[in-house]
Structure formats: structure tokens, C-alpha cells
Amino acid sequence: MSTLSLLLNVLWIVTGGLWMAAGWLLAALIMAITVIGLPWAWAALRIAQYTLLPFGFKVIDAPSGPLAGSAGAIGNLIWLVLAGWWLALGHLITAFGLAITIIGLPFAWAHLKLAGLTLWPLGRDIVPTDQRMMAQRFYNPVELDRAPFRR
């Protein structure tokens, strides 16, 4: 993680990232209580980590897999009804509070983007923005030495 990402993550934690990550952890705990909610609990845990430290990572559409297509849409609708709406509301309230100040505007915008992720989380993946970290994730160790963006 770069120094700038570290500084922005510390400021983010102070400006609402900590309490929203706690909300995501609470949602994961509630979903994990039932066996049926386990797929949503794993997604909520990943997004809780992203909500706590968002700088240095980005959200992408996941490659097609078990949560693609109609199964993912049904899963996202269930998530929206059970937990998505109140987590999105928390992000919107935090964004509104931060948007009052000029310094808080970038963080307000980040909360608005997280509110969108909150409404439809399945079928999305969180990946590091650092190319070296992406190479370690998507290339096997033998191919890593031949990666085109090797440092």
C-alpha cells in the first residue's frame, strides 16, 4: 500500500469508514446466523474489509461464475430486502454529513459509490489497484517473472 493510500485510509476511517465497516460486519454476522445467509455473509465480510480500507482497491464486475445471471439477480434482490437498503441508507447519511464540508466532499463521493455497491453486491469483486498485487493474484508464480509489468 502506498503512502498516499495509507494516509487516505486513515482519513477515511475517521470520516465514517469505521462505523460503516462495523455495519457491514453486523450484517455479515446476522446473515451467518442462518445457514441460508452464508453466501451473503461472505460477500458482506469482503465488502466490510473494503469499506474499512477502500483506497488501494477497486470494485470490478466478477467474471461469470455461480453468482452470474439470474441466480445472482435473485440473490441480490434478497440481499436488497434483508440488509442492502439499510446499509445503503447509512452510506447516504454519512455522505450527506461529509458533503456539508469541502474537505469531506471526496469521502462523500466514495460513500455514494459504496451505497451503490451496497444495493447490488453479488457478482462484484474487489481487486487491488497495484499492478504487482494484481499479477500475484492472476498469474501463477512461474508466469509472474514473465509478467509484462514486472518491476
N, C-alpha and C. Protein backbone atom coordinates (compact mmCIF):
# COMPACT_ATOMS: atom_id res chain seq x y z
N MET A 1 0.85 -1.17 0.00
CA MET A 1 0.00 0.00 0.00
C MET A 1 0.90 1.23 0.00
N SER A 2 0.59 2.16 -0.86
CA SER A 2 1.40 3.37 -0.97
C SER A 2 1.14 4.30 0.22
N THR A 3 2.01 5.26 0.40
CA THR A 3 1.88 6.22 1.49
C THR A 3 0.60 7.03 1.35
N LEU A 4 0.29 7.42 0.11
CA LEU A 4 -0.94 8.18 -0.13
C LEU A 4 -2.17 7.35 0.22
N SER A 5 -2.19 6.09 -0.19
CA SER A 5 -3.32 5.22 0.15
C SER A 5 -3.46 5.06 1.65
N LEU A 6 -2.33 4.92 2.33
CA LEU A 6 -2.36 4.79 3.79
C LEU A 6 -2.94 6.04 4.44
N LEU A 7 -2.49 7.21 4.01
CA LEU A 7 -2.99 8.46 4.56
C LEU A 7 -4.49 8.61 4.28
N LEU A 8 -4.91 8.32 3.06
CA LEU A 8 -6.33 8.42 2.72
C LEU A 8 -7.18 7.42 3.50
N ASN A 9 -6.63 6.21 3.73
CA ASN A 9 -7.37 5.22 4.51
C ASN A 9 -7.53 5.66 5.96
N VAL A 10 -6.51 6.29 6.54
CA VAL A 10 -6.62 6.79 7.91
C VAL A 10 -7.69 7.89 7.98
N LEU A 11 -7.65 8.82 7.03
CA LEU A 11 -8.69 9.87 6.99
C LEU A 11 -10.07 9.27 6.76
N TRP A 12 -10.14 8.23 5.94
CA TRP A 12 -11.41 7.56 5.66
C TRP A 12 -11.98 6.93 6.93
N ILE A 13 -11.15 6.28 7.72
CA ILE A 13 -11.62 5.64 8.95
C ILE A 13 -12.23 6.69 9.88
N VAL A 14 -11.59 7.86 9.96
CA VAL A 14 -12.09 8.92 10.82
C VAL A 14 -13.40 9.51 10.28
N THR A 15 -13.57 9.55 8.98
CA THR A 15 -14.74 10.20 8.38
C THR A 15 -15.87 9.23 8.05
N GLY A 16 -16.03 8.20 8.82
CA GLY A 16 -17.19 7.34 8.65
C GLY A 16 -16.89 5.93 8.19
N GLY A 17 -15.66 5.65 7.82
CA GLY A 17 -15.34 4.30 7.35
C GLY A 17 -15.43 3.26 8.45
N LEU A 18 -15.07 3.63 9.67
CA LEU A 18 -15.08 2.67 10.77
C LEU A 18 -16.49 2.24 11.13
N TRP A 19 -17.39 3.21 11.25
CA TRP A 19 -18.73 2.82 11.67
C TRP A 19 -19.50 2.13 10.54
N MET A 20 -19.20 2.46 9.30
CA MET A 20 -19.86 1.75 8.21
C MET A 20 -19.31 0.33 8.05
N ALA A 21 -18.01 0.15 8.29
CA ALA A 21 -17.44 -1.20 8.28
C ALA A 21 -18.06 -2.03 9.41
N ALA A 22 -18.30 -1.40 10.55
CA ALA A 22 -18.98 -2.10 11.65
C ALA A 22 -20.39 -2.50 11.24
N GLY A 23 -21.07 -1.65 10.48
CA GLY A 23 -22.40 -2.01 9.97
C GLY A 23 -22.35 -3.21 9.04
N TRP A 24 -21.32 -3.25 8.18
CA TRP A 24 -21.15 -4.41 7.29
C TRP A 24 -20.85 -5.67 8.09
N LEU A 25 -20.04 -5.55 9.14
CA LEU A 25 -19.74 -6.72 9.98
C LEU A 25 -21.00 -7.21 10.70
N LEU A 26 -21.82 -6.28 11.15
CA LEU A 26 -23.09 -6.66 11.78
C LEU A 26 -23.99 -7.38 10.78
N ALA A 27 -24.05 -6.87 9.55
CA ALA A 27 -24.85 -7.55 8.52
C ALA A 27 -24.31 -8.95 8.24
N ALA A 28 -22.98 -9.09 8.20
CA ALA A 28 -22.38 -10.41 7.97
C ALA A 28 -22.71 -11.36 9.11
N LEU A 29 -22.66 -10.86 10.33
CA LEU A 29 -22.98 -11.69 11.50
C LEU A 29 -24.44 -12.14 11.47
N ILE A 30 -25.33 -11.23 11.15
CA ILE A 30 -26.75 -11.58 11.08
C ILE A 30 -26.99 -12.61 9.98
N MET A 31 -26.34 -12.44 8.83
CA MET A 31 -26.51 -13.40 7.74
C MET A 31 -25.89 -14.75 8.08
N ALA A 32 -24.79 -14.74 8.83
CA ALA A 32 -24.10 -16.00 9.14
C ALA A 32 -24.85 -16.82 10.19
N ILE A 33 -25.75 -16.21 10.91
CA ILE A 33 -26.51 -16.96 11.93
C ILE A 33 -27.31 -18.08 11.28
N THR A 34 -27.82 -17.81 10.11
CA THR A 34 -28.56 -18.85 9.38
C THR A 34 -27.65 -19.47 8.33
N VAL A 35 -27.86 -20.71 8.04
CA VAL A 35 -27.08 -21.38 7.01
C VAL A 35 -27.42 -20.80 5.64
N ILE A 36 -28.65 -20.42 5.44
CA ILE A 36 -29.08 -19.88 4.16
C ILE A 36 -28.38 -18.56 3.84
N GLY A 37 -28.03 -17.79 4.86
CA GLY A 37 -27.42 -16.49 4.65
C GLY A 37 -25.92 -16.51 4.45
N LEU A 38 -25.28 -17.68 4.46
CA LEU A 38 -23.82 -17.74 4.36
C LEU A 38 -23.23 -17.10 3.09
N PRO A 39 -23.83 -17.28 1.91
CA PRO A 39 -23.25 -16.61 0.74
C PRO A 39 -23.24 -15.09 0.89
N TRP A 40 -24.27 -14.53 1.50
CA TRP A 40 -24.32 -13.09 1.70
C TRP A 40 -23.34 -12.68 2.82
N ALA A 41 -23.14 -13.55 3.79
CA ALA A 41 -22.20 -13.24 4.88
C ALA A 41 -20.78 -13.10 4.33
N TRP A 42 -20.38 -13.99 3.43
CA TRP A 42 -19.04 -13.89 2.84
C TRP A 42 -18.89 -12.62 2.03
N ALA A 43 -19.92 -12.28 1.26
CA ALA A 43 -19.88 -11.05 0.47
C ALA A 43 -19.81 -9.83 1.40
N ALA A 44 -20.57 -9.87 2.49
CA ALA A 44 -20.57 -8.74 3.43
C ALA A 44 -19.21 -8.60 4.13
N LEU A 45 -18.56 -9.71 4.43
CA LEU A 45 -17.23 -9.63 5.04
C LEU A 45 -16.21 -9.02 4.09
N ARG A 46 -16.26 -9.41 2.82
CA ARG A 46 -15.34 -8.82 1.84
C ARG A 46 -15.58 -7.32 1.70
N ILE A 47 -16.84 -6.93 1.67
CA ILE A 47 -17.15 -5.52 1.50
C ILE A 47 -16.88 -4.75 2.79
N ALA A 48 -16.99 -5.40 3.95
CA ALA A 48 -16.62 -4.73 5.21
C ALA A 48 -15.14 -4.38 5.20
N GLN A 49 -14.32 -5.29 4.71
CA GLN A 49 -12.89 -5.01 4.61
C GLN A 49 -12.64 -3.86 3.62
N TYR A 50 -13.34 -3.87 2.52
CA TYR A 50 -13.21 -2.80 1.53
C TYR A 50 -13.72 -1.47 2.08
N THR A 51 -14.80 -1.51 2.87
CA THR A 51 -15.34 -0.29 3.46
C THR A 51 -14.38 0.28 4.50
N LEU A 52 -13.66 -0.58 5.19
CA LEU A 52 -12.70 -0.10 6.19
C LEU A 52 -11.47 0.52 5.54
N LEU A 53 -10.95 -0.10 4.49
CA LEU A 53 -9.74 0.38 3.81
C LEU A 53 -9.96 0.39 2.29
N PRO A 54 -10.67 1.38 1.76
CA PRO A 54 -11.03 1.34 0.34
C PRO A 54 -9.91 1.80 -0.60
N PHE A 55 -9.00 2.65 -0.12
CA PHE A 55 -8.00 3.20 -1.02
C PHE A 55 -6.92 2.18 -1.28
N GLY A 56 -6.61 1.94 -2.54
CA GLY A 56 -5.67 0.91 -2.95
C GLY A 56 -6.39 -0.30 -3.54
N PHE A 57 -7.72 -0.26 -3.58
CA PHE A 57 -8.53 -1.35 -4.14
C PHE A 57 -9.59 -0.74 -5.04
N LYS A 58 -10.15 -1.57 -5.90
CA LYS A 58 -11.27 -1.12 -6.72
C LYS A 58 -12.24 -2.28 -6.91
N VAL A 59 -13.48 -1.93 -7.23
CA VAL A 59 -14.55 -2.91 -7.42
C VAL A 59 -14.73 -3.13 -8.92
N ILE A 60 -14.75 -4.40 -9.31
CA ILE A 60 -14.97 -4.74 -10.71
C ILE A 60 -16.10 -5.76 -10.78
N ASP A 61 -16.68 -5.90 -11.95
CA ASP A 61 -17.65 -6.98 -12.16
C ASP A 61 -16.89 -8.29 -12.19
N ALA A 62 -17.34 -9.24 -11.39
CA ALA A 62 -16.67 -10.54 -11.31
C ALA A 62 -16.88 -11.31 -12.61
N PRO A 63 -15.90 -12.12 -12.98
CA PRO A 63 -16.11 -12.98 -14.14
C PRO A 63 -17.28 -13.92 -13.88
N SER A 64 -17.88 -14.39 -14.95
CA SER A 64 -19.05 -15.25 -14.79
C SER A 64 -18.72 -16.45 -13.92
N GLY A 65 -19.62 -16.76 -13.05
CA GLY A 65 -19.44 -17.87 -12.12
C GLY A 65 -20.80 -18.25 -11.56
N PRO A 66 -20.82 -18.82 -10.35
CA PRO A 66 -22.09 -19.28 -9.80
C PRO A 66 -23.06 -18.15 -9.48
N LEU A 67 -22.55 -16.92 -9.30
CA LEU A 67 -23.44 -15.82 -8.96
C LEU A 67 -23.69 -14.89 -10.15
N ALA A 68 -23.57 -15.42 -11.33
CA ALA A 68 -23.84 -14.62 -12.53
C ALA A 68 -25.22 -14.96 -13.05
N GLY A 69 -25.78 -14.07 -13.78
CA GLY A 69 -27.07 -14.32 -14.41
C GLY A 69 -28.23 -14.20 -13.45
N SER A 70 -29.23 -15.04 -13.67
CA SER A 70 -30.46 -14.93 -12.89
C SER A 70 -30.27 -15.32 -11.43
N ALA A 71 -29.38 -16.27 -11.14
CA ALA A 71 -29.15 -16.65 -9.74
C ALA A 71 -28.58 -15.47 -8.95
N GLY A 72 -27.66 -14.74 -9.56
CA GLY A 72 -27.10 -13.57 -8.91
C GLY A 72 -28.12 -12.46 -8.73
N ALA A 73 -28.98 -12.29 -9.72
CA ALA A 73 -30.02 -11.26 -9.62
C ALA A 73 -31.00 -11.58 -8.49
N ILE A 74 -31.38 -12.84 -8.37
CA ILE A 74 -32.28 -13.25 -7.28
C ILE A 74 -31.58 -13.06 -5.93
N GLY A 75 -30.30 -13.46 -5.86
CA GLY A 75 -29.53 -13.27 -4.63
C GLY A 75 -29.41 -11.81 -4.25
N ASN A 76 -29.18 -10.94 -5.23
CA ASN A 76 -29.08 -9.52 -4.96
C ASN A 76 -30.42 -8.93 -4.51
N LEU A 77 -31.52 -9.41 -5.07
CA LEU A 77 -32.84 -8.92 -4.64
C LEU A 77 -33.10 -9.32 -3.18
N ILE A 78 -32.75 -10.55 -2.82
CA ILE A 78 -32.91 -10.98 -1.43
C ILE A 78 -32.03 -10.13 -0.52
N TRP A 79 -30.78 -9.88 -0.93
CA TRP A 79 -29.87 -9.04 -0.15
C TRP A 79 -30.46 -7.63 0.01
N LEU A 80 -31.00 -7.08 -1.05
CA LEU A 80 -31.56 -5.73 -1.02
C LEU A 80 -32.66 -5.62 0.03
N VAL A 81 -33.53 -6.63 0.08
CA VAL A 81 -34.64 -6.61 1.02
C VAL A 81 -34.15 -6.82 2.45
N LEU A 82 -33.21 -7.74 2.66
CA LEU A 82 -32.80 -8.09 4.02
C LEU A 82 -31.83 -7.08 4.64
N ALA A 83 -30.82 -6.62 3.90
CA ALA A 83 -29.79 -5.78 4.52
C ALA A 83 -29.33 -4.63 3.65
N GLY A 84 -29.50 -4.73 2.36
CA GLY A 84 -28.92 -3.74 1.47
C GLY A 84 -29.47 -2.34 1.65
N TRP A 85 -30.75 -2.23 1.87
CA TRP A 85 -31.36 -0.91 1.94
C TRP A 85 -30.88 -0.12 3.14
N TRP A 86 -30.72 -0.78 4.31
CA TRP A 86 -30.31 -0.01 5.49
C TRP A 86 -28.82 0.29 5.48
N LEU A 87 -28.01 -0.57 4.87
CA LEU A 87 -26.59 -0.23 4.73
C LEU A 87 -26.42 0.92 3.73
N ALA A 88 -27.19 0.90 2.65
CA ALA A 88 -27.14 2.00 1.67
C ALA A 88 -27.59 3.30 2.33
N LEU A 89 -28.61 3.23 3.17
CA LEU A 89 -29.08 4.41 3.88
C LEU A 89 -27.98 4.96 4.80
N GLY A 90 -27.25 4.08 5.47
CA GLY A 90 -26.13 4.52 6.31
C GLY A 90 -25.06 5.23 5.50
N HIS A 91 -24.74 4.68 4.32
CA HIS A 91 -23.76 5.34 3.45
C HIS A 91 -24.28 6.69 2.96
N LEU A 92 -25.57 6.77 2.63
CA LEU A 92 -26.14 8.03 2.16
C LEU A 92 -26.14 9.10 3.25
N ILE A 93 -26.49 8.71 4.48
CA ILE A 93 -26.49 9.67 5.59
C ILE A 93 -25.06 10.16 5.86
N THR A 94 -24.11 9.23 5.84
CA THR A 94 -22.71 9.62 6.04
C THR A 94 -22.24 10.53 4.93
N ALA A 95 -22.61 10.22 3.69
CA ALA A 95 -22.21 11.06 2.55
C ALA A 95 -22.81 12.46 2.68
N PHE A 96 -24.05 12.55 3.10
CA PHE A 96 -24.67 13.86 3.27
C PHE A 96 -23.94 14.67 4.34
N GLY A 97 -23.61 14.04 5.45
CA GLY A 97 -22.88 14.73 6.51
C GLY A 97 -21.50 15.20 6.06
N LEU A 98 -20.83 14.39 5.26
CA LEU A 98 -19.50 14.77 4.77
C LEU A 98 -19.56 15.82 3.67
N ALA A 99 -20.63 15.83 2.89
CA ALA A 99 -20.75 16.77 1.78
C ALA A 99 -20.96 18.20 2.25
N ILE A 100 -21.31 18.39 3.50
CA ILE A 100 -21.50 19.74 4.03
C ILE A 100 -20.17 20.49 4.05
N THR A 101 -19.07 19.77 4.27
CA THR A 101 -17.76 20.41 4.30
C THR A 101 -17.05 20.19 2.97
N ILE A 102 -16.20 21.11 2.60
CA ILE A 102 -15.45 20.98 1.35
C ILE A 102 -14.43 19.85 1.47
N ILE A 103 -13.82 19.72 2.62
CA ILE A 103 -12.81 18.67 2.82
C ILE A 103 -13.45 17.29 2.73
N GLY A 104 -14.70 17.17 3.14
CA GLY A 104 -15.36 15.88 3.13
C GLY A 104 -15.96 15.46 1.81
N LEU A 105 -15.93 16.33 0.80
CA LEU A 105 -16.55 16.00 -0.49
C LEU A 105 -16.00 14.74 -1.15
N PRO A 106 -14.68 14.54 -1.21
CA PRO A 106 -14.19 13.29 -1.83
C PRO A 106 -14.64 12.04 -1.08
N PHE A 107 -14.71 12.14 0.24
CA PHE A 107 -15.15 10.99 1.03
C PHE A 107 -16.65 10.78 0.88
N ALA A 108 -17.40 11.88 0.72
CA ALA A 108 -18.84 11.76 0.47
C ALA A 108 -19.08 11.03 -0.85
N TRP A 109 -18.30 11.38 -1.86
CA TRP A 109 -18.44 10.71 -3.16
C TRP A 109 -18.13 9.22 -3.03
N ALA A 110 -17.11 8.87 -2.25
CA ALA A 110 -16.76 7.46 -2.04
C ALA A 110 -17.90 6.73 -1.32
N HIS A 111 -18.54 7.38 -0.36
CA HIS A 111 -19.68 6.75 0.32
C HIS A 111 -20.85 6.55 -0.64
N LEU A 112 -21.04 7.49 -1.56
CA LEU A 112 -22.11 7.31 -2.55
C LEU A 112 -21.82 6.11 -3.45
N LYS A 113 -20.56 5.93 -3.84
CA LYS A 113 -20.21 4.76 -4.65
C LYS A 113 -20.41 3.48 -3.85
N LEU A 114 -20.07 3.51 -2.56
CA LEU A 114 -20.30 2.32 -1.72
C LEU A 114 -21.79 2.05 -1.54
N ALA A 115 -22.60 3.09 -1.53
CA ALA A 115 -24.06 2.89 -1.42
C ALA A 115 -24.57 2.11 -2.63
N GLY A 116 -24.03 2.40 -3.81
CA GLY A 116 -24.41 1.63 -4.99
C GLY A 116 -23.98 0.18 -4.90
N LEU A 117 -22.77 -0.05 -4.39
CA LEU A 117 -22.29 -1.42 -4.19
C LEU A 117 -23.14 -2.14 -3.15
N THR A 118 -23.60 -1.40 -2.16
CA THR A 118 -24.40 -1.98 -1.10
C THR A 118 -25.72 -2.55 -1.63
N LEU A 119 -26.28 -1.89 -2.62
CA LEU A 119 -27.57 -2.34 -3.13
C LEU A 119 -27.47 -3.60 -3.99
N TRP A 120 -26.33 -3.85 -4.63
CA TRP A 120 -26.19 -4.96 -5.56
C TRP A 120 -24.79 -5.57 -5.43
N PRO A 121 -24.45 -6.26 -4.32
CA PRO A 121 -23.06 -6.67 -4.08
C PRO A 121 -22.64 -7.98 -4.75
N LEU A 122 -23.56 -8.89 -4.98
CA LEU A 122 -23.16 -10.18 -5.53
C LEU A 122 -22.80 -10.03 -7.01
N GLY A 123 -21.77 -10.76 -7.43
CA GLY A 123 -21.31 -10.65 -8.81
C GLY A 123 -20.27 -9.55 -8.98
N ARG A 124 -19.78 -8.99 -7.89
CA ARG A 124 -18.75 -7.97 -7.91
C ARG A 124 -17.53 -8.53 -7.20
N ASP A 125 -16.36 -8.05 -7.57
CA ASP A 125 -15.12 -8.50 -6.94
C ASP A 125 -14.28 -7.28 -6.58
N ILE A 126 -13.54 -7.36 -5.51
CA ILE A 126 -12.68 -6.27 -5.05
C ILE A 126 -11.25 -6.69 -5.32
N VAL A 127 -10.55 -5.90 -6.12
CA VAL A 127 -9.18 -6.23 -6.51
C VAL A 127 -8.26 -5.08 -6.15
N PRO A 128 -6.99 -5.37 -5.88
CA PRO A 128 -6.03 -4.30 -5.61
C PRO A 128 -5.74 -3.50 -6.87
N THR A 129 -5.48 -2.23 -6.70
CA THR A 129 -5.15 -1.39 -7.86
C THR A 129 -3.68 -1.47 -8.21
N ASP A 130 -2.86 -1.95 -7.29
CA ASP A 130 -1.44 -2.09 -7.56
C ASP A 130 -1.22 -3.22 -8.57
N GLN A 131 -0.49 -2.95 -9.63
CA GLN A 131 -0.31 -3.95 -10.69
C GLN A 131 0.44 -5.18 -10.18
N ARG A 132 1.38 -5.00 -9.31
CA ARG A 132 2.15 -6.14 -8.79
C ARG A 132 1.22 -7.07 -8.01
N MET A 133 0.33 -6.47 -7.20
CA MET A 133 -0.60 -7.30 -6.45
C MET A 133 -1.57 -8.01 -7.38
N MET A 134 -1.98 -7.32 -8.45
CA MET A 134 -2.88 -7.96 -9.41
C MET A 134 -2.16 -9.11 -10.12
N ALA A 135 -0.87 -8.93 -10.39
CA ALA A 135 -0.12 -10.00 -11.04
C ALA A 135 -0.03 -11.22 -10.13
N GLN A 136 0.16 -11.00 -8.86
CA GLN A 136 0.23 -12.12 -7.92
C GLN A 136 -1.11 -12.83 -7.83
N ARG A 137 -2.18 -12.11 -8.05
CA ARG A 137 -3.49 -12.72 -7.95
C ARG A 137 -3.86 -13.50 -9.21
N PHE A 138 -3.52 -12.96 -10.38
CA PHE A 138 -4.00 -13.54 -11.62
C PHE A 138 -2.97 -14.39 -12.37
N TYR A 139 -1.70 -14.31 -12.01
CA TYR A 139 -0.67 -15.12 -12.65
C TYR A 139 -0.17 -16.14 -11.64
N ASN A 140 0.24 -17.30 -12.12
CA ASN A 140 0.85 -18.23 -11.19
C ASN A 140 2.31 -17.81 -10.98
N PRO A 141 2.99 -18.29 -9.94
CA PRO A 141 4.35 -17.81 -9.63
C PRO A 141 5.36 -18.01 -10.76
N VAL A 142 5.19 -19.04 -11.57
CA VAL A 142 6.13 -19.26 -12.67
C VAL A 142 5.97 -18.17 -13.72
N GLU A 143 4.73 -17.80 -14.02
CA GLU A 143 4.48 -16.78 -15.02
C GLU A 143 4.73 -15.37 -14.48
N LEU A 144 4.81 -15.21 -13.15
CA LEU A 144 4.98 -13.90 -12.56
C LEU A 144 6.29 -13.25 -13.01
N ASP A 145 7.35 -14.04 -13.20
CA ASP A 145 8.63 -13.48 -13.64
C ASP A 145 8.56 -12.98 -15.08
N ARG A 146 7.62 -13.51 -15.85
CA ARG A 146 7.48 -13.08 -17.25
C ARG A 146 6.35 -12.08 -17.44
N ALA A 147 5.75 -11.60 -16.34
CA ALA A 147 4.63 -10.66 -16.45
C ALA A 147 5.10 -9.39 -17.14
N PRO A 148 4.28 -8.82 -17.99
CA PRO A 148 4.69 -7.64 -18.75
C PRO A 148 4.93 -6.40 -17.91
N PHE A 149 4.37 -6.34 -16.71
CA PHE A 149 4.54 -5.14 -15.90
C PHE A 149 5.42 -5.43 -14.68
N ARG A 150 6.37 -6.31 -14.85
CA ARG A 150 7.31 -6.64 -13.78
C ARG A 150 8.15 -5.42 -13.45
N ARG A 151 8.43 -5.23 -12.16
CA ARG A 151 9.25 -4.09 -11.74
C ARG A 151 10.69 -4.49 -11.64
